[in-house]
Amino acid sequence: MLDRLVTLLPPGAREALRTLAARRPVRLPVGLPPRRPGAEATILPGLDARPAPMAPLHPPAAINDNPLQALHDAVERDLRASGHLR
């Protein structure tokens, strides 16, 4: 919501707000102990939270090389099942 409001301001005012926001420290919620500078919020210290490299994604192997033949076989199977073809 604030992002949309900032777009309505002239560029000079936007830059002034960015500068002001960069100078102002972030307030922590009440009741939390102050963190030391450089301390990162981690679940487990020493745990590398970077995403692992992903294996390359390959398309699935072809089930049938001739889709027209597969259609022909399916129609023939249905006609035989219904008794129209012997």
Protein backbone atom coordinates (compact mmCIF):
# COMPACT_ATOMS: atom_id res chain seq x y z
CA MET A 1 0.00 0.00 0.00
CA LEU A 2 2.80 2.41 0.84
CA ASP A 3 4.55 1.47 -2.40
CA ARG A 4 1.57 2.77 -4.36
CA LEU A 5 1.45 5.94 -2.30
CA VAL A 6 5.11 6.64 -2.99
CA THR A 7 4.51 6.42 -6.75
CA LEU A 8 2.18 9.43 -6.47
CA LEU A 9 4.96 11.59 -5.02
CA PRO A 10 7.33 13.60 -7.22
CA PRO A 11 10.80 12.08 -7.78
CA GLY A 12 12.51 14.54 -5.41
CA ALA A 13 10.20 13.60 -2.54
CA ARG A 14 10.71 9.89 -3.27
CA GLU A 15 14.47 10.31 -3.08
CA ALA A 16 14.18 12.26 0.18
CA LEU A 17 12.03 9.49 1.70
CA ARG A 18 14.52 6.84 0.59
CA THR A 19 17.38 8.77 2.19
CA LEU A 20 15.41 9.25 5.40
CA ALA A 21 14.45 5.57 5.53
CA ALA A 22 18.06 4.49 4.97
CA ARG A 23 19.26 6.62 7.89
CA ARG A 24 16.60 5.48 10.33
CA PRO A 25 17.27 2.18 12.13
CA VAL A 26 14.63 -0.51 12.14
CA ARG A 27 12.67 -0.71 15.39
CA LEU A 28 12.50 -4.14 17.00
CA PRO A 29 9.23 -5.30 18.57
CA VAL A 30 8.88 -4.64 22.29
CA GLY A 31 10.17 -7.45 24.50
CA LEU A 32 12.90 -8.73 22.18
CA PRO A 33 16.51 -8.39 23.31
CA PRO A 34 18.64 -6.13 21.11
CA ARG A 35 20.73 -7.97 18.52
CA ARG A 36 24.40 -7.34 18.08
CA PRO A 37 25.42 -5.77 14.75
CA GLY A 38 26.09 -8.34 12.05
CA ALA A 39 24.12 -11.09 13.79
CA GLU A 40 21.88 -12.84 11.33
CA ALA A 41 18.65 -14.51 12.24
CA THR A 42 19.33 -18.21 11.77
CA ILE A 43 17.46 -21.24 12.93
CA LEU A 44 20.60 -23.31 13.41
CA PRO A 45 23.98 -21.58 13.64
CA GLY A 46 26.39 -22.90 11.05
CA LEU A 47 23.58 -24.10 8.79
CA ASP A 48 24.02 -23.01 5.22
CA ALA A 49 20.62 -21.64 4.21
CA ARG A 50 21.51 -21.08 0.58
CA PRO A 51 19.50 -23.18 -1.87
CA ALA A 52 21.29 -26.25 -3.19
CA PRO A 53 21.95 -26.50 -6.92
CA MET A 54 19.07 -28.19 -8.68
CA ALA A 55 19.42 -31.16 -10.99
CA PRO A 56 18.64 -30.29 -14.61
CA LEU A 57 15.05 -30.90 -15.62
CA HIS A 58 14.67 -33.22 -18.60
CA PRO A 59 11.46 -33.88 -20.50
CA PRO A 60 9.90 -37.30 -19.91
CA ALA A 61 10.79 -40.11 -22.27
CA ALA A 62 8.37 -40.66 -25.11
CA ILE A 63 5.72 -43.26 -24.33
CA ASN A 64 4.98 -43.92 -27.97
CA ASP A 65 6.81 -42.69 -31.01
CA ASN A 66 3.77 -42.72 -33.29
CA PRO A 67 0.68 -41.06 -31.77
CA LEU A 68 -1.41 -41.87 -34.86
CA GLN A 69 -0.68 -45.58 -34.43
CA ALA A 70 -1.62 -45.35 -30.75
CA LEU A 71 -4.93 -43.73 -31.75
CA HIS A 72 -5.54 -46.44 -34.35
CA ASP A 73 -4.87 -49.14 -31.73
CA ALA A 74 -7.21 -47.49 -29.22
CA VAL A 75 -10.04 -47.22 -31.77
CA GLU A 76 -9.53 -50.82 -32.84
CA ARG A 77 -9.55 -51.98 -29.20
CA ASP A 78 -12.78 -50.06 -28.52
CA LEU A 79 -14.47 -51.43 -31.65
CA ARG A 80 -13.48 -54.99 -30.73
CA ALA A 81 -14.74 -54.49 -27.17
CA SER A 82 -18.11 -53.21 -28.40
CA GLY A 83 -18.49 -56.12 -30.86
CA HIS A 84 -18.37 -54.06 -34.07
CA LEU A 85 -15.06 -55.55 -35.16
CA ARG A 86 -14.08 -59.22 -35.00
